[in-house]
Protein backbone atom coordinates (compact mmCIF):
# COMPACT_ATOMS: atom_id res chain seq x y z
CA MET A 1 0.00 0.00 0.00
CA PRO A 2 1.50 3.39 -0.94
CA LEU A 3 2.26 5.90 1.80
CA THR A 4 -0.10 8.89 1.66
CA ASN A 5 0.93 10.98 4.68
CA GLY A 6 4.67 10.61 4.91
CA ASP A 7 6.97 7.82 6.03
CA ALA A 8 6.62 7.12 9.77
CA GLY A 9 10.02 5.45 9.71
CA THR A 10 11.80 8.73 8.88
CA SER A 11 9.38 11.15 10.55
CA LEU A 12 10.38 13.16 13.60
CA ALA A 13 7.00 12.17 15.13
CA GLN A 14 8.20 8.80 16.43
CA LEU A 15 6.71 7.26 19.62
CA VAL A 16 10.13 6.65 21.21
CA PRO A 17 13.68 7.44 20.13
CA GLY A 18 15.49 4.66 18.33
CA LYS A 19 14.24 1.40 16.92
CA ALA A 20 10.96 -0.11 18.16
CA LEU A 21 11.10 -3.50 19.91
CA ASP A 22 9.96 -6.68 18.17
CA HIS A 23 6.18 -6.81 18.71
CA THR A 24 6.26 -10.58 19.29
CA THR A 25 8.20 -10.05 22.54
CA ALA A 26 5.61 -7.76 24.17
CA LEU A 27 4.46 -10.35 26.73
CA GLU A 28 8.04 -11.25 27.66
CA VAL A 29 8.91 -7.58 28.19
CA LEU A 30 5.79 -7.10 30.29
CA ALA A 31 6.72 -10.05 32.52
CA SER A 32 10.06 -8.43 33.35
CA GLU A 33 8.47 -5.18 34.51
CA ASP A 34 6.38 -4.14 37.50
CA GLN A 35 2.66 -4.91 37.26
CA ASP A 36 0.06 -2.23 36.66
CA GLY A 37 -1.83 -0.96 39.68
CA ILE A 38 -1.33 -1.98 43.30
CA ASP A 39 -2.15 -5.09 45.32
CA VAL A 40 -4.91 -5.22 47.92
CA ARG A 41 -2.60 -4.74 50.92
CA GLU A 42 -1.08 -1.57 49.49
CA LEU A 43 -4.55 -0.38 48.47
CA LEU A 44 -5.96 -0.74 51.97
CA ASP A 45 -2.96 0.53 53.88
CA SER A 46 -4.81 2.91 56.20
CA LYS A 47 -1.60 4.58 57.34
CA ASN A 48 -0.96 5.88 53.82
CA HIS A 49 -4.41 6.11 52.26
CA GLY A 50 -6.80 6.48 55.19
CA GLY A 51 -9.93 4.36 55.41
CA LEU A 52 -11.36 3.53 51.99
CA THR A 53 -14.85 2.66 50.89
CA TYR A 54 -16.11 1.09 47.66
CA ASN A 55 -16.10 4.26 45.54
CA ASP A 56 -12.44 4.98 46.33
CA PHE A 57 -10.92 2.32 44.06
CA LEU A 58 -11.35 0.22 40.93
CA ILE A 59 -10.34 -3.34 39.98
CA LEU A 60 -8.11 -3.55 36.91
CA PRO A 61 -9.25 -5.73 33.98
CA GLY A 62 -7.62 -9.06 33.14
CA TYR A 63 -7.83 -11.47 30.20
CA ILE A 64 -11.15 -12.77 28.86
CA GLY A 65 -11.00 -16.35 27.65
CA PHE A 66 -14.47 -17.58 28.58
CA ALA A 67 -18.15 -16.60 28.43
CA ALA A 68 -19.75 -14.68 31.30
CA SER A 69 -22.24 -17.52 31.74
CA GLU A 70 -19.34 -19.80 32.73
CA VAL A 71 -18.58 -17.76 35.86
CA ALA A 72 -19.52 -19.78 38.97
CA LEU A 73 -21.01 -17.86 41.90
CA ASP A 74 -21.15 -20.66 44.52
CA THR A 75 -20.04 -19.41 47.92
CA PRO A 76 -20.29 -20.31 51.64
CA ILE A 77 -22.63 -18.37 53.93
CA THR A 78 -21.58 -20.27 57.09
CA LYS A 79 -19.09 -23.01 57.90
CA ARG A 80 -21.52 -25.75 56.81
CA ILE A 81 -23.98 -24.09 54.43
CA SER A 82 -23.23 -22.72 50.96
CA LEU A 83 -25.33 -20.84 48.41
CA LYS A 84 -25.36 -20.79 44.62
CA THR A 85 -25.30 -16.97 44.59
CA PRO A 86 -23.70 -14.48 47.03
CA LEU A 87 -26.73 -12.24 47.67
CA VAL A 88 -28.45 -11.87 51.06
CA SER A 89 -31.32 -9.58 52.06
CA SER A 90 -31.07 -7.64 55.31
CA PRO A 91 -33.16 -8.38 58.44
CA MET A 92 -34.95 -5.02 58.32
CA ASP A 93 -38.69 -4.62 58.78
CA THR A 94 -39.04 -2.85 55.42
CA VAL A 95 -36.90 -5.41 53.56
CA THR A 96 -37.29 -9.07 54.59
CA GLU A 97 -40.35 -11.01 55.60
CA HIS A 98 -41.40 -14.43 54.29
CA SER A 99 -42.06 -13.32 50.70
CA MET A 100 -38.57 -11.83 50.29
CA ALA A 101 -36.99 -14.80 52.09
CA ILE A 102 -38.75 -17.27 49.78
CA HIS A 103 -37.82 -15.48 46.58
CA MET A 104 -34.22 -14.80 47.60
CA ALA A 105 -33.82 -18.52 48.37
CA LEU A 106 -35.46 -19.52 45.08
CA LEU A 107 -32.98 -17.28 43.24
CA GLY A 108 -30.01 -18.90 44.94
CA GLY A 109 -29.44 -16.40 47.74
CA LEU A 110 -30.82 -16.01 51.25
CA GLY A 111 -33.28 -13.74 53.03
CA VAL A 112 -32.87 -13.03 56.75
CA ILE A 113 -36.29 -12.49 58.36
CA HIS A 114 -36.40 -9.45 60.66
CA HIS A 115 -37.39 -9.65 64.34
CA ASN A 116 -39.25 -6.36 64.77
CA CYS A 117 -42.44 -8.38 65.34
CA SER A 118 -43.72 -10.84 67.90
CA ALA A 119 -41.94 -14.18 68.23
CA GLU A 120 -45.09 -15.94 67.03
CA GLU A 121 -45.29 -13.83 63.87
CA GLN A 122 -41.62 -14.39 63.10
CA ALA A 123 -41.96 -18.15 63.65
CA GLU A 124 -44.93 -18.24 61.30
CA MET A 125 -42.84 -16.52 58.62
CA VAL A 126 -40.14 -19.16 59.09
CA ARG A 127 -42.78 -21.89 58.71
CA LYS A 128 -43.99 -20.33 55.45
CA VAL A 129 -40.47 -20.41 54.04
CA LYS A 130 -39.90 -24.01 55.11
CA ARG A 131 -43.31 -25.17 53.84
CA PHE A 132 -42.93 -23.44 50.52
CA GLU A 133 -42.93 -25.55 47.38
CA ASN A 134 -42.54 -23.93 43.97
CA GLY A 135 -45.97 -22.90 42.73
CA PHE A 136 -47.95 -23.40 45.96
CA ILE A 137 -49.45 -20.23 47.47
CA LEU A 138 -49.49 -20.68 51.25
CA ASP A 139 -51.26 -17.40 52.11
CA PRO A 140 -53.80 -16.81 49.31
CA VAL A 141 -56.35 -14.00 49.41
CA VAL A 142 -59.53 -15.71 50.69
CA LEU A 143 -63.11 -14.42 50.48
CA SER A 144 -66.09 -15.16 52.71
CA PRO A 145 -69.63 -15.92 51.46
CA LYS A 146 -70.66 -12.42 52.61
CA THR A 147 -68.07 -10.70 50.37
CA THR A 148 -69.84 -8.69 47.66
CA ILE A 149 -69.04 -8.69 43.96
CA GLY A 150 -68.03 -5.04 44.29
CA GLU A 151 -65.50 -5.94 46.97
CA ALA A 152 -64.16 -8.75 44.80
CA LYS A 153 -63.66 -6.27 41.96
CA GLN A 154 -61.79 -3.94 44.31
CA LEU A 155 -59.53 -6.81 45.40
CA LYS A 156 -58.81 -7.58 41.75
CA GLU A 157 -57.76 -3.96 41.22
CA LYS A 158 -55.59 -4.06 44.34
CA TRP A 159 -53.83 -7.38 43.73
CA GLY A 160 -53.80 -7.60 39.95
CA PHE A 161 -55.54 -11.00 39.75
CA GLY A 162 -59.17 -12.05 40.05
CA GLY A 163 -59.22 -15.70 41.10
CA PHE A 164 -60.12 -16.09 44.78
CA PRO A 165 -61.18 -19.11 46.88
CA VAL A 166 -64.29 -18.68 49.04
CA THR A 167 -64.39 -20.41 52.44
CA GLU A 168 -67.02 -20.57 55.19
CA ASN A 169 -65.11 -18.18 57.48
CA GLY A 170 -63.26 -16.21 54.80
CA THR A 171 -59.94 -17.52 56.07
CA LEU A 172 -57.37 -20.16 55.27
CA ARG A 173 -57.94 -23.54 56.98
CA SER A 174 -61.70 -23.07 56.73
CA LYS A 175 -64.06 -25.25 54.65
CA LEU A 176 -63.84 -24.43 50.94
CA VAL A 177 -67.24 -23.58 49.41
CA GLY A 178 -66.35 -22.16 46.00
CA MET A 179 -64.05 -20.23 43.66
CA ILE A 180 -64.67 -16.91 41.98
CA THR A 181 -62.78 -15.75 38.90
CA THR A 182 -62.61 -12.65 36.73
CA ARG A 183 -64.94 -14.30 34.23
CA ASP A 184 -67.60 -14.77 36.93
CA ILE A 185 -67.81 -11.06 37.79
CA GLN A 186 -66.71 -9.39 34.57
CA PHE A 187 -70.19 -8.58 33.24
CA ILE A 188 -72.08 -8.41 36.54
CA HIS A 189 -73.29 -4.86 37.15
CA SER A 190 -75.00 -5.43 40.50
CA ASP A 191 -72.03 -4.99 42.84
CA ASP A 192 -74.14 -5.56 45.97
CA GLN A 193 -74.70 -9.25 45.26
CA PRO A 194 -72.66 -11.72 47.36
CA VAL A 195 -69.99 -13.70 45.52
CA THR A 196 -71.93 -16.90 46.31
CA ALA A 197 -74.46 -15.84 43.65
CA VAL A 198 -71.95 -16.21 40.82
CA MET A 199 -69.09 -18.35 42.17
CA SER A 200 -68.30 -21.86 40.94
CA SER A 201 -69.05 -24.55 43.51
CA ASP A 202 -68.28 -27.57 41.32
CA LEU A 203 -64.56 -27.54 42.01
CA VAL A 204 -61.54 -29.55 41.05
CA THR A 205 -59.33 -29.89 44.14
CA ALA A 206 -56.29 -31.86 45.22
CA PRO A 207 -55.56 -33.35 48.65
CA ALA A 208 -52.90 -32.07 51.03
CA GLY A 209 -49.57 -33.70 50.27
CA THR A 210 -49.99 -33.46 46.51
CA THR A 211 -46.63 -32.89 44.83
CA LEU A 212 -45.99 -30.14 42.34
CA VAL A 213 -45.75 -32.62 39.48
CA GLU A 214 -49.07 -34.25 40.45
CA ALA A 215 -50.74 -30.85 40.85
CA ASN A 216 -49.46 -29.73 37.48
CA ASP A 217 -50.99 -32.84 35.91
CA VAL A 218 -54.35 -32.11 37.57
CA LEU A 219 -54.28 -28.52 36.29
CA ARG A 220 -53.39 -29.68 32.79
CA LYS A 221 -56.28 -32.15 32.66
CA SER A 222 -58.85 -29.84 34.31
CA LYS A 223 -57.88 -26.79 32.21
CA LYS A 224 -58.52 -24.68 35.32
CA GLY A 225 -56.55 -21.60 36.27
CA LYS A 226 -56.48 -22.33 40.01
CA LEU A 227 -56.22 -25.58 41.98
CA PRO A 228 -57.25 -25.47 45.66
CA ILE A 229 -55.39 -27.87 47.97
CA VAL A 230 -57.64 -29.18 50.77
CA ASP A 231 -57.25 -31.44 53.79
CA SER A 232 -59.38 -34.48 54.65
CA ASN A 233 -62.10 -32.19 56.05
CA GLY A 234 -62.33 -30.10 52.91
CA GLN A 235 -60.54 -27.14 54.52
CA LEU A 236 -58.40 -24.94 52.29
CA ILE A 237 -54.67 -25.47 52.92
CA SER A 238 -53.08 -23.71 49.95
CA LEU A 239 -53.68 -22.75 46.35
CA LEU A 240 -51.91 -23.53 43.12
CA SER A 241 -52.02 -21.01 40.27
CA ARG A 242 -51.34 -22.01 36.68
CA SER A 243 -49.65 -18.65 36.01
CA ASP A 244 -47.50 -18.90 39.15
CA LEU A 245 -46.71 -22.50 38.32
CA MET A 246 -45.29 -21.49 34.95
CA LYS A 247 -43.18 -18.79 36.60
CA ASN A 248 -41.97 -20.93 39.49
CA LEU A 249 -41.32 -24.31 37.90
CA HIS A 250 -37.65 -23.77 37.19
CA TYR A 251 -35.33 -22.36 39.85
CA PRO A 252 -32.17 -24.40 39.37
CA LEU A 253 -30.16 -22.18 41.74
CA ALA A 254 -32.61 -22.48 44.66
CA SER A 255 -30.99 -22.56 48.11
CA LYS A 256 -32.17 -25.88 49.51
CA LEU A 257 -30.94 -28.30 52.13
CA PRO A 258 -29.80 -31.51 50.40
CA HIS A 259 -31.55 -33.90 52.80
CA SER A 260 -34.97 -32.23 53.04
CA LYS A 261 -35.14 -30.28 49.75
CA GLN A 262 -36.68 -27.42 51.75
CA LEU A 263 -35.62 -23.83 51.19
CA ILE A 264 -32.88 -22.61 53.54
CA CYS A 265 -34.28 -20.13 56.06
CA ALA A 266 -32.45 -17.56 58.19
CA ALA A 267 -33.87 -15.21 60.80
CA ALA A 268 -32.51 -12.57 63.15
CA ILE A 269 -32.83 -12.32 66.92
CA GLY A 270 -31.40 -10.02 69.58
CA THR A 271 -29.12 -10.92 72.48
CA ARG A 272 -31.53 -10.41 75.38
CA HIS A 273 -32.65 -13.22 77.68
CA GLU A 274 -36.16 -13.27 76.17
CA ASP A 275 -34.61 -13.86 72.74
CA LYS A 276 -33.85 -17.40 73.92
CA ASP A 277 -37.60 -18.06 74.05
CA ARG A 278 -37.98 -16.48 70.60
CA LEU A 279 -35.20 -18.70 69.25
CA GLN A 280 -36.92 -21.84 70.54
CA LYS A 281 -40.05 -20.93 68.57
CA LEU A 282 -37.96 -20.29 65.44
CA VAL A 283 -36.12 -23.60 65.79
CA ASP A 284 -39.45 -25.41 66.24
CA ALA A 285 -40.59 -23.77 62.99
CA GLY A 286 -37.56 -25.18 61.14
CA LEU A 287 -34.93 -22.41 61.26
CA ASP A 288 -31.55 -23.24 59.65
CA ILE A 289 -29.46 -20.12 60.37
CA VAL A 290 -29.81 -17.61 63.21
CA VAL A 291 -28.31 -14.13 62.81
CA LEU A 292 -27.50 -12.32 66.04
CA ASP A 293 -28.53 -8.77 65.26
CA SER A 294 -26.47 -6.04 66.91
CA SER A 295 -24.87 -2.84 65.68
CA GLN A 296 -21.78 -3.63 67.78
CA GLY A 297 -21.30 -7.38 68.08
CA ASN A 298 -18.30 -7.45 70.40
CA SER A 299 -20.30 -7.53 73.62
CA THR A 300 -20.68 -9.87 76.55
CA PHE A 301 -24.34 -10.27 75.61
CA GLN A 302 -23.56 -11.62 72.15
CA ILE A 303 -20.67 -13.82 73.26
CA GLU A 304 -22.90 -15.45 75.87
CA MET A 305 -25.68 -15.90 73.30
CA ILE A 306 -23.30 -17.56 70.82
CA LYS A 307 -22.14 -20.03 73.45
CA TYR A 308 -25.75 -20.71 74.49
CA VAL A 309 -26.91 -21.36 70.92
CA LYS A 310 -23.96 -23.61 70.06
CA HIS A 311 -24.55 -25.66 73.23
CA ARG A 312 -28.37 -25.78 73.07
CA TYR A 313 -28.76 -26.15 69.28
CA PRO A 314 -25.55 -27.72 67.88
CA GLU A 315 -27.12 -28.22 64.44
CA LEU A 316 -28.10 -24.55 64.10
CA GLU A 317 -25.69 -22.25 62.26
CA VAL A 318 -24.93 -18.94 64.02
CA ILE A 319 -23.88 -15.71 62.30
CA GLY A 320 -22.52 -13.04 64.64
CA GLY A 321 -21.90 -9.32 64.27
CA ASN A 322 -21.77 -6.65 63.34
CA VAL A 323 -18.00 -6.15 63.46
CA VAL A 324 -15.47 -3.95 61.65
CA THR A 325 -12.18 -4.82 63.37
CA ARG A 326 -10.13 -7.97 63.81
CA ALA A 327 -10.36 -7.61 67.58
CA GLN A 328 -14.16 -7.66 67.44
CA ALA A 329 -14.10 -10.64 65.09
CA ALA A 330 -11.65 -12.60 67.25
CA SER A 331 -13.99 -12.48 70.25
CA LEU A 332 -16.89 -13.90 68.27
CA ILE A 333 -14.78 -16.49 66.44
CA THR A 334 -13.47 -17.73 69.79
CA ALA A 335 -17.05 -18.01 71.06
CA GLY A 336 -17.89 -20.29 68.11
CA VAL A 337 -19.66 -18.32 65.36
CA ASP A 338 -20.21 -20.01 61.99
CA GLY A 339 -20.22 -16.71 60.08
CA LEU A 340 -19.66 -13.00 60.58
CA ARG A 341 -21.50 -9.88 59.45
CA ILE A 342 -19.25 -6.91 58.65
CA GLY A 343 -20.32 -3.26 58.69
CA MET A 344 -20.99 -0.38 61.06
CA GLY A 345 -22.56 2.83 59.87
CA SER A 346 -22.25 2.18 56.13
CA GLY A 347 -25.89 1.37 55.36
CA SER A 348 -27.92 3.77 53.24
CA ALA A 349 -30.34 4.52 56.09
CA CYS A 350 -27.72 4.44 58.88
CA ILE A 351 -26.22 7.48 60.62
CA THR A 352 -24.14 5.72 63.28
CA GLN A 353 -20.84 7.11 62.00
CA GLU A 354 -22.24 10.64 61.95
CA VAL A 355 -23.99 10.56 65.32
CA MET A 356 -21.75 8.25 67.33
CA ALA A 357 -18.40 8.95 65.64
CA VAL A 358 -17.86 5.16 65.73
CA GLY A 359 -17.51 2.76 62.82
CA ARG A 360 -15.19 2.20 59.88
CA PRO A 361 -15.27 2.75 56.11
CA GLN A 362 -16.67 -0.40 54.56
CA ALA A 363 -13.83 -1.43 52.21
CA ALA A 364 -11.31 -1.29 55.05
CA SER A 365 -13.68 -3.19 57.32
CA VAL A 366 -14.40 -5.99 54.85
CA PHE A 367 -10.77 -6.67 53.93
CA ASN A 368 -9.34 -6.58 57.44
CA VAL A 369 -12.04 -8.69 59.07
CA SER A 370 -12.58 -11.22 56.26
CA SER A 371 -8.87 -11.89 55.74
CA PHE A 372 -8.53 -12.57 59.49
CA ALA A 373 -11.70 -14.72 59.73
CA ALA A 374 -10.71 -16.78 56.68
CA ARG A 375 -7.76 -18.16 58.63
CA PHE A 376 -10.30 -19.83 60.95
CA GLY A 377 -12.64 -20.98 58.17
CA VAL A 378 -15.33 -18.40 59.04
CA PRO A 379 -17.18 -16.87 56.04
CA CYS A 380 -18.09 -13.19 56.16
CA ILE A 381 -21.03 -11.09 54.93
CA ALA A 382 -20.29 -7.55 53.68
CA ASP A 383 -23.29 -5.74 55.18
CA GLY A 384 -24.00 -2.17 54.05
CA GLY A 385 -22.90 0.36 51.47
CA ILE A 386 -24.11 -1.69 48.48
CA GLN A 387 -25.61 0.67 45.92
CA ASN A 388 -24.94 -1.14 42.63
CA VAL A 389 -23.39 -4.20 40.98
CA GLY A 390 -19.90 -2.67 41.20
CA HIS A 391 -20.14 -2.46 44.98
CA ILE A 392 -21.15 -6.13 45.15
CA VAL A 393 -18.06 -7.06 43.11
CA LYS A 394 -15.77 -4.96 45.30
CA GLY A 395 -17.14 -6.40 48.54
CA LEU A 396 -16.56 -9.93 47.25
CA ALA A 397 -13.09 -9.05 45.92
CA LEU A 398 -12.08 -7.80 49.35
CA GLY A 399 -12.81 -11.18 50.89
CA ALA A 400 -16.51 -11.32 51.76
CA SER A 401 -18.20 -14.55 50.73
CA THR A 402 -21.60 -12.84 50.43
CA VAL A 403 -23.04 -9.32 50.44
CA MET A 404 -26.09 -8.16 52.38
CA MET A 405 -28.45 -5.59 50.86
CA GLY A 406 -31.14 -3.44 52.45
CA GLY A 407 -31.94 -0.30 50.49
CA LEU A 408 -31.12 -1.95 47.17
CA LEU A 409 -33.93 -4.50 47.70
CA ALA A 410 -36.36 -2.34 49.71
CA GLY A 411 -38.02 -1.03 46.55
CA THR A 412 -38.92 -4.47 45.20
CA THR A 413 -42.39 -5.98 45.16
CA GLU A 414 -41.45 -8.68 47.68
CA SER A 415 -40.37 -6.28 50.45
CA PRO A 416 -42.99 -5.49 53.15
CA GLY A 417 -42.81 -1.69 52.81
CA ASN A 418 -45.81 0.36 51.67
CA TYR A 419 -45.99 1.87 48.19
CA PHE A 420 -46.93 5.51 47.68
CA VAL A 421 -46.49 8.24 45.07
CA SER A 422 -43.79 10.83 45.79
CA GLN A 423 -44.22 14.58 45.37
CA GLU A 424 -42.48 14.24 42.00
CA GLY A 425 -45.12 11.75 40.90
CA ARG A 426 -42.85 8.69 41.05
CA LEU A 427 -43.80 5.35 42.60
CA VAL A 428 -41.74 4.79 45.75
CA LYS A 429 -41.73 2.42 48.71
CA ALA A 430 -41.22 3.18 52.40
CA TYR A 431 -37.80 2.25 53.79
CA ARG A 432 -36.27 2.87 57.20
CA GLY A 433 -33.17 2.01 59.14
CA MET A 434 -33.63 -0.16 62.22
CA GLY A 435 -31.97 2.60 64.23
CA SER A 436 -34.54 5.18 63.12
CA ILE A 437 -36.98 6.60 65.66
CA ASP A 438 -39.87 5.13 63.64
CA ALA A 439 -38.42 1.61 63.89
CA MET A 440 -37.44 1.90 67.56
CA GLU A 441 -40.90 3.15 68.54
CA ASP A 442 -42.75 0.49 66.52
CA LYS A 443 -44.93 -1.54 68.89
CA LYS A 444 -45.46 -4.63 66.70
CA ALA A 445 -42.59 -6.54 68.32
CA GLY A 446 -44.06 -6.11 71.76
CA GLY A 447 -47.19 -8.11 71.06
CA SER A 448 -49.10 -8.19 74.34
CA ALA A 449 -46.06 -7.20 76.41
CA LYS A 450 -46.42 -4.23 78.76
CA ASN A 451 -43.07 -2.68 77.83
CA THR A 452 -42.90 -2.77 74.03
CA LYS A 453 -39.58 -0.90 74.00
CA GLN A 454 -37.95 -3.89 75.70
CA SER A 455 -39.12 -6.17 72.87
CA ASN A 456 -38.33 -3.85 69.96
CA ALA A 457 -35.68 -5.04 67.50
CA GLY A 458 -34.40 -1.52 66.88
CA THR A 459 -33.80 -0.67 70.53
CA ALA A 460 -32.22 -4.09 71.11
CA ARG A 461 -29.90 -3.74 68.13
CA TYR A 462 -28.58 -0.42 69.43
CA PHE A 463 -28.63 -1.29 73.17
CA SER A 464 -31.34 1.32 73.84
CA GLU A 465 -34.02 -0.76 75.63
CA GLY A 466 -33.57 1.05 78.95
CA ASP A 467 -33.10 4.56 77.58
CA ARG A 468 -35.59 7.25 78.56
CA LEU A 469 -34.56 9.23 75.48
CA LEU A 470 -34.00 7.40 72.21
CA VAL A 471 -31.03 8.53 70.12
CA ALA A 472 -31.53 7.78 66.43
CA GLN A 473 -28.83 5.90 64.54
CA GLY A 474 -30.91 5.61 61.38
CA VAL A 475 -33.42 7.50 59.24
CA SER A 476 -36.78 6.88 57.61
CA GLY A 477 -37.36 7.58 53.94
CA SER A 478 -38.33 6.00 50.66
CA VAL A 479 -36.74 4.26 47.68
CA LEU A 480 -37.77 4.07 44.05
CA ASP A 481 -39.83 1.09 42.91
CA ARG A 482 -37.57 -1.61 41.39
CA GLY A 483 -40.19 -4.17 40.38
CA SER A 484 -39.89 -7.79 41.43
CA VAL A 485 -36.71 -9.43 42.73
CA VAL A 486 -37.47 -12.17 40.19
CA LYS A 487 -36.18 -9.71 37.58
CA PHE A 488 -33.90 -7.49 39.67
CA VAL A 489 -31.75 -10.20 41.28
CA PRO A 490 -30.99 -11.94 37.95
CA TYR A 491 -29.81 -8.52 36.69
CA LEU A 492 -27.44 -8.24 39.67
CA LEU A 493 -26.14 -11.76 39.07
CA ALA A 494 -25.63 -11.20 35.34
CA GLY A 495 -23.75 -7.98 36.11
CA LEU A 496 -21.61 -9.81 38.64
CA GLN A 497 -20.73 -12.53 36.12
CA HIS A 498 -19.79 -9.97 33.47
CA SER A 499 -17.64 -8.08 35.96
CA LEU A 500 -15.71 -11.22 36.90
CA GLN A 501 -15.33 -11.94 33.20
CA ASP A 502 -13.74 -8.50 32.73
CA ILE A 503 -11.36 -9.24 35.62
CA GLY A 504 -10.51 -12.57 33.98
CA ILE A 505 -11.81 -14.68 36.88
CA LYS A 506 -14.14 -17.70 36.60
CA SER A 507 -15.33 -18.14 40.22
CA LEU A 508 -15.61 -16.32 43.52
CA GLY A 509 -13.06 -18.65 45.09
CA GLU A 510 -10.61 -17.83 42.32
CA LEU A 511 -11.33 -14.12 42.83
CA ARG A 512 -10.44 -14.26 46.53
CA LYS A 513 -7.28 -16.25 45.79
CA GLY A 514 -6.27 -13.91 42.97
CA VAL A 515 -6.65 -10.86 45.20
CA LEU A 516 -4.54 -12.33 48.00
CA ASP A 517 -1.72 -13.53 45.74
CA GLY A 518 -1.55 -10.19 43.90
CA ARG A 519 -2.78 -11.32 40.48
CA VAL A 520 -5.92 -9.21 40.77
CA ARG A 521 -4.80 -5.58 40.86
CA PHE A 522 -6.42 -2.36 42.01
CA GLU A 523 -6.19 1.40 41.37
CA LEU A 524 -7.05 4.25 43.70
CA ARG A 525 -9.56 6.80 42.37
CA THR A 526 -9.28 10.54 42.84
CA VAL A 527 -12.41 12.66 43.07
CA SER A 528 -11.89 13.61 39.41
CA ALA A 529 -11.57 9.94 38.47
CA GLN A 530 -14.85 9.16 40.20
CA ALA A 531 -16.56 11.94 38.25
CA GLU A 532 -15.02 10.65 35.00
CA GLY A 533 -16.25 7.12 35.74
CA ASN A 534 -19.85 8.28 36.02
CA VAL A 535 -22.16 9.79 33.42
CA HIS A 536 -20.83 13.23 32.43
CA GLY A 537 -20.99 15.77 29.61
CA LEU A 538 -24.61 14.97 28.64
CA HIS A 539 -27.46 17.45 28.54
CA SER A 540 -29.86 14.71 29.63
CA PHE A 541 -29.86 10.93 29.78
CA ASP A 542 -32.00 7.92 30.66
CA LYS A 543 -30.20 5.48 32.98
CA LYS A 544 -32.03 2.22 32.29
CA LEU A 545 -30.16 -0.59 34.05
CA TYR A 546 -31.62 -3.70 32.44
CA SER A 547 -34.34 -4.96 30.12
């Protein structure tokens, strides 16, 4: 090809003086020189860099020689239990109840049920998780014979579906008398009529104990949309929906115990004496993992509780915390914890660092504690500060085996918060920190107790049960609607796999090893670098995360 803009070989505009090296030796030359970036120990040297958090650094890319789908995300959550994905939902009363716990487990993660409720309510949530089978609805919306057609239409508008069982008492575990569907009420204009006037009473049902495969066969043959499951007395036990069945049939990553095939269930308790009674109810309901919930885990209360649980329930896995230093971790490891929860003041709704001047930046916390705990075979959860996929990757790269999310999941359909429309006209969901005044003054946990403050999960977590004046360590607010975790969590997992692909790593175990031996490299970010790494220079933009 003829030269059109001069001869680079004779031009003064050469890249370097003299003759260029042979291009085939580039890898050999690279091997003889210092690596790009810095290793994790230099990165998190607090004496030189101060305490870092997730936004303060980046992971350098590696070599891609495999598809993102080949990245394995298996990881331990405790000494004896592992998950197929490293995502855990936080035990907050606006994040995790039974619905979130069920769906997180189905998607390969874990949901930790909060304890800002009575022990009986929390135990019932554990039972719902343990009884759950893909496709079976254990708490369906049930109508009574006195329910009017107008009320049924309102329920359809509220819930988005129109098929409801009708029982004698209008409750579950009451005798089934009929089913009403959208077709039954669609063209009925007299809303004052009872649903018994138009409901179907000639029903196809299945007995309690019917498997999912058997129920699917009954639905296929009957061509019905709903299949009530009844006991020997004809009382409604659960409901099977054809639409839910199609959505729930295939969850290959589901977190299940190998011997029982039941979903793995975790729940939080405090460290007070009465929490021992609560724990007994949870164990009776089938609990697999107990999380001792405290903002500062290195206390005599928690150490005594760990020893009690390990002695009284040797088969129950115990996760302790929260901790941010090796000294805190050492106390709990010595007491016998099976896992640790790392973080203090880094949550989106937490103000502990601001108000108490106590805590630690999350990146420094995760690396220092997890690298120490790993020497004793204790997995760690990075709890707090997770705002996006990148933060999940960084928490795992610094040694955590899983990450715990609160605000990131609070806006999903499965969280127990209430939806409302913000002043800007956007759909949002209520979210609050467990150290907020709202949470600490909530009376649900007290049940029939005289002193509800003594039973509140928020006051227990922050050692405030006996305080005359409550000092907030959290805030109340709202988060944008994120849709269902059934779509949102797969987005997080796909992003995580693509990130590890960019790093050149095929599993979380390989990631942790690569970080410790210096193969995975890091770079500090200045304020300008952080601005450059975000959206900039646009007049307007639409930040759609997945489709």
